[in-house]
Amino acid sequence: MDTNNKIAFLESMGVDAKPSIENMMDIETYDEIMDDFYKELPNDLSKIDGFKNAFDMPNYAIAVHALKSNARSFGFMKLGDIAYAHEMASKAGDVNYINEHYNELLEEVKNVQDIIAKYKAL
């Protein structure tokens, strides 16, 4: 599939892909690095979950900060925004916010995983 069709697919799924691809120089690099991100998501979520369950807010903040940065670098802005809210809450020690909104984070990660899986199948 050509670059324009790949970008059109991503944008149809709510991904702000053009700036991300430009930042990574080309779509091949974007695809390669996104593949690594996709493969690491289960491990990243496991760490986030472990820090949450242990009430380890400093490490939770670091883990969701990384998730935020990675998500935004590929144009997954909604996940980036949700992860940012979790980062700020963890830095403030707001465990209630994290617990109340944790499923939202998990659902958006699943959404991103689904989008990437469909994209990779193109």
C-alpha atoms as a PDB file:
ATOM      1  CA  MET A   1       0.000   0.000   0.000  1.00  0.00           C
ATOM      2  CA  ASP A   2       1.338   3.428  -0.843  1.00  0.00           C
ATOM      3  CA  THR A   3       2.183   6.089   1.698  1.00  0.00           C
ATOM      4  CA  ASN A   4      -0.854   8.271   0.998  1.00  0.00           C
ATOM      5  CA  ASN A   5      -3.246   5.366   1.538  1.00  0.00           C
ATOM      6  CA  LYS A   6      -1.471   4.400   4.768  1.00  0.00           C
ATOM      7  CA  ILE A   7      -1.732   7.967   6.034  1.00  0.00           C
ATOM      8  CA  ALA A   8      -5.389   8.155   4.974  1.00  0.00           C
ATOM      9  CA  PHE A   9      -6.133   4.950   6.890  1.00  0.00           C
ATOM     10  CA  LEU A  10      -4.429   6.228  10.035  1.00  0.00           C
ATOM     11  CA  GLU A  11      -6.192   9.579   9.825  1.00  0.00           C
ATOM     12  CA  SER A  12      -9.542   7.826   9.332  1.00  0.00           C
ATOM     13  CA  MET A  13      -8.857   6.102  12.661  1.00  0.00           C
ATOM     14  CA  GLY A  14      -8.165   9.428  14.420  1.00  0.00           C
ATOM     15  CA  VAL A  15      -4.370   9.187  14.279  1.00  0.00           C
ATOM     16  CA  ASP A  16      -2.464  12.420  13.619  1.00  0.00           C
ATOM     17  CA  ALA A  17       0.054  10.596  11.437  1.00  0.00           C
ATOM     18  CA  LYS A  18       1.467  13.227   9.059  1.00  0.00           C
ATOM     19  CA  PRO A  19       3.529  15.191  11.610  1.00  0.00           C
ATOM     20  CA  SER A  20       4.719  11.956  13.190  1.00  0.00           C
ATOM     21  CA  ILE A  21       5.876  10.522   9.875  1.00  0.00           C
ATOM     22  CA  GLU A  22       7.600  13.814   9.010  1.00  0.00           C
ATOM     23  CA  ASN A  23       9.402  13.783  12.376  1.00  0.00           C
ATOM     24  CA  MET A  24      10.641  10.254  11.677  1.00  0.00           C
ATOM     25  CA  MET A  25      11.725  11.243   8.146  1.00  0.00           C
ATOM     26  CA  ASP A  26       9.730   8.603   6.246  1.00  0.00           C
ATOM     27  CA  ILE A  27       6.949   6.047   6.556  1.00  0.00           C
ATOM     28  CA  GLU A  28       9.354   3.110   6.602  1.00  0.00           C
ATOM     29  CA  THR A  29      11.001   4.438   9.762  1.00  0.00           C
ATOM     30  CA  TYR A  30       7.591   5.239  11.259  1.00  0.00           C
ATOM     31  CA  ASP A  31       6.409   1.678  10.529  1.00  0.00           C
ATOM     32  CA  GLU A  32       9.551   0.095  11.945  1.00  0.00           C
ATOM     33  CA  ILE A  33       9.536   2.077  15.185  1.00  0.00           C
ATOM     34  CA  MET A  34       5.763   1.713  15.603  1.00  0.00           C
ATOM     35  CA  ASP A  35       6.204  -2.047  15.324  1.00  0.00           C
ATOM     36  CA  ASP A  36       8.572  -1.910  18.313  1.00  0.00           C
ATOM     37  CA  PHE A  37       6.064   0.243  20.222  1.00  0.00           C
ATOM     38  CA  TYR A  38       3.295  -2.261  19.430  1.00  0.00           C
ATOM     39  CA  LYS A  39       5.371  -5.234  20.574  1.00  0.00           C
ATOM     40  CA  GLU A  40       6.331  -3.503  23.846  1.00  0.00           C
ATOM     41  CA  LEU A  41       2.827  -2.327  24.790  1.00  0.00           C
ATOM     42  CA  PRO A  42       1.898  -5.491  26.739  1.00  0.00           C
ATOM     43  CA  ASN A  43       5.129  -5.240  28.762  1.00  0.00           C
ATOM     44  CA  ASP A  44       4.596  -1.510  29.315  1.00  0.00           C
ATOM     45  CA  LEU A  45       1.049  -2.148  30.543  1.00  0.00           C
ATOM     46  CA  SER A  46       2.264  -4.861  32.871  1.00  0.00           C
ATOM     47  CA  LYS A  47       4.722  -2.420  34.449  1.00  0.00           C
ATOM     48  CA  ILE A  48       2.079   0.305  34.726  1.00  0.00           C
ATOM     49  CA  ASP A  49      -0.341  -2.124  36.332  1.00  0.00           C
ATOM     50  CA  GLY A  50       2.299  -3.328  38.778  1.00  0.00           C
ATOM     51  CA  PHE A  51       3.204   0.198  39.844  1.00  0.00           C
ATOM     52  CA  LYS A  52      -0.486   1.095  40.219  1.00  0.00           C
ATOM     53  CA  ASN A  53      -1.204  -1.973  42.351  1.00  0.00           C
ATOM     54  CA  ALA A  54       1.847  -1.308  44.514  1.00  0.00           C
ATOM     55  CA  PHE A  55       0.837   2.368  44.945  1.00  0.00           C
ATOM     56  CA  ASP A  56       4.285   3.238  43.554  1.00  0.00           C
ATOM     57  CA  MET A  57       3.354   6.658  42.234  1.00  0.00           C
ATOM     58  CA  PRO A  58       6.887   7.813  41.301  1.00  0.00           C
ATOM     59  CA  ASN A  59       7.440   4.821  39.017  1.00  0.00           C
ATOM     60  CA  TYR A  60       3.842   4.918  37.790  1.00  0.00           C
ATOM     61  CA  ALA A  61       4.468   8.528  36.732  1.00  0.00           C
ATOM     62  CA  ILE A  62       7.609   7.512  34.839  1.00  0.00           C
ATOM     63  CA  ALA A  63       5.847   4.624  33.100  1.00  0.00           C
ATOM     64  CA  VAL A  64       2.799   6.615  31.993  1.00  0.00           C
ATOM     65  CA  HIS A  65       5.078   9.490  30.953  1.00  0.00           C
ATOM     66  CA  ALA A  66       6.871   7.087  28.603  1.00  0.00           C
ATOM     67  CA  LEU A  67       3.532   5.787  27.311  1.00  0.00           C
ATOM     68  CA  LYS A  68       2.377   9.365  26.725  1.00  0.00           C
ATOM     69  CA  SER A  69       5.520  10.290  24.840  1.00  0.00           C
ATOM     70  CA  ASN A  70       5.486   7.170  22.688  1.00  0.00           C
ATOM     71  CA  ALA A  71       1.786   7.468  21.888  1.00  0.00           C
ATOM     72  CA  ARG A  72       2.112  11.105  20.871  1.00  0.00           C
ATOM     73  CA  SER A  73       5.203  10.397  18.765  1.00  0.00           C
ATOM     74  CA  PHE A  74       3.049   8.135  16.545  1.00  0.00           C
ATOM     75  CA  GLY A  75       0.053  10.478  16.489  1.00  0.00           C
ATOM     76  CA  PHE A  76      -2.102   8.655  19.049  1.00  0.00           C
ATOM     77  CA  MET A  77      -3.040  11.908  20.731  1.00  0.00           C
ATOM     78  CA  LYS A  78      -6.032  10.629  22.727  1.00  0.00           C
ATOM     79  CA  LEU A  79      -3.882   7.992  24.413  1.00  0.00           C
ATOM     80  CA  GLY A  80      -1.213  10.619  24.970  1.00  0.00           C
ATOM     81  CA  ASP A  81      -3.728  12.914  26.653  1.00  0.00           C
ATOM     82  CA  ILE A  82      -5.102  10.152  28.879  1.00  0.00           C
ATOM     83  CA  ALA A  83      -1.596   9.041  29.866  1.00  0.00           C
ATOM     84  CA  TYR A  84      -0.685  12.670  30.597  1.00  0.00           C
ATOM     85  CA  ALA A  85      -3.642  12.990  32.953  1.00  0.00           C
ATOM     86  CA  HIS A  86      -2.462   9.844  34.745  1.00  0.00           C
ATOM     87  CA  GLU A  87       1.067  11.204  34.899  1.00  0.00           C
ATOM     88  CA  MET A  88      -0.101  14.449  36.502  1.00  0.00           C
ATOM     89  CA  ALA A  89      -2.380  12.593  38.923  1.00  0.00           C
ATOM     90  CA  SER A  90       0.418  10.250  39.980  1.00  0.00           C
ATOM     91  CA  LYS A  91       2.795  13.159  40.534  1.00  0.00           C
ATOM     92  CA  ALA A  92       0.129  14.736  42.729  1.00  0.00           C
ATOM     93  CA  GLY A  93      -0.390  11.446  44.583  1.00  0.00           C
ATOM     94  CA  ASP A  94      -4.011  11.307  43.419  1.00  0.00           C
ATOM     95  CA  VAL A  95      -4.522   7.543  43.611  1.00  0.00           C
ATOM     96  CA  ASN A  96      -8.298   8.011  43.480  1.00  0.00           C
ATOM     97  CA  TYR A  97      -8.100   9.631  40.035  1.00  0.00           C
ATOM     98  CA  ILE A  98      -5.867   6.836  38.788  1.00  0.00           C
ATOM     99  CA  ASN A  99      -8.176   4.127  40.106  1.00  0.00           C
ATOM    100  CA  GLU A 100     -11.309   5.852  38.800  1.00  0.00           C
ATOM    101  CA  HIS A 101      -9.845   6.417  35.313  1.00  0.00           C
ATOM    102  CA  TYR A 102      -7.641   3.362  34.926  1.00  0.00           C
ATOM    103  CA  ASN A 103     -10.109   1.494  32.710  1.00  0.00           C
ATOM    104  CA  GLU A 104     -10.188   4.487  30.372  1.00  0.00           C
ATOM    105  CA  LEU A 105      -6.427   4.182  29.978  1.00  0.00           C
ATOM    106  CA  LEU A 106      -6.663   0.439  29.361  1.00  0.00           C
ATOM    107  CA  GLU A 107      -9.484   0.871  26.826  1.00  0.00           C
ATOM    108  CA  GLU A 108      -7.528   3.451  24.857  1.00  0.00           C
ATOM    109  CA  VAL A 109      -4.416   1.273  24.833  1.00  0.00           C
ATOM    110  CA  LYS A 110      -6.581  -1.545  23.457  1.00  0.00           C
ATOM    111  CA  ASN A 111      -7.970   0.830  20.836  1.00  0.00           C
ATOM    112  CA  VAL A 112      -4.435   1.808  19.795  1.00  0.00           C
ATOM    113  CA  GLN A 113      -3.408  -1.846  19.644  1.00  0.00           C
ATOM    114  CA  ASP A 114      -6.396  -2.570  17.393  1.00  0.00           C
ATOM    115  CA  ILE A 115      -5.568   0.346  15.095  1.00  0.00           C
ATOM    116  CA  ILE A 116      -1.937  -0.736  14.808  1.00  0.00           C
ATOM    117  CA  ALA A 117      -2.938  -4.360  14.136  1.00  0.00           C
ATOM    118  CA  LYS A 118      -5.246  -3.244  11.317  1.00  0.00           C
ATOM    119  CA  TYR A 119      -2.569  -0.911   9.962  1.00  0.00           C
ATOM    120  CA  LYS A 120       0.045  -3.672   9.973  1.00  0.00           C
ATOM    121  CA  ALA A 121      -2.375  -5.945   8.074  1.00  0.00           C
ATOM    122  CA  LEU A 122      -2.744  -3.452   5.211  1.00  0.00           C
END
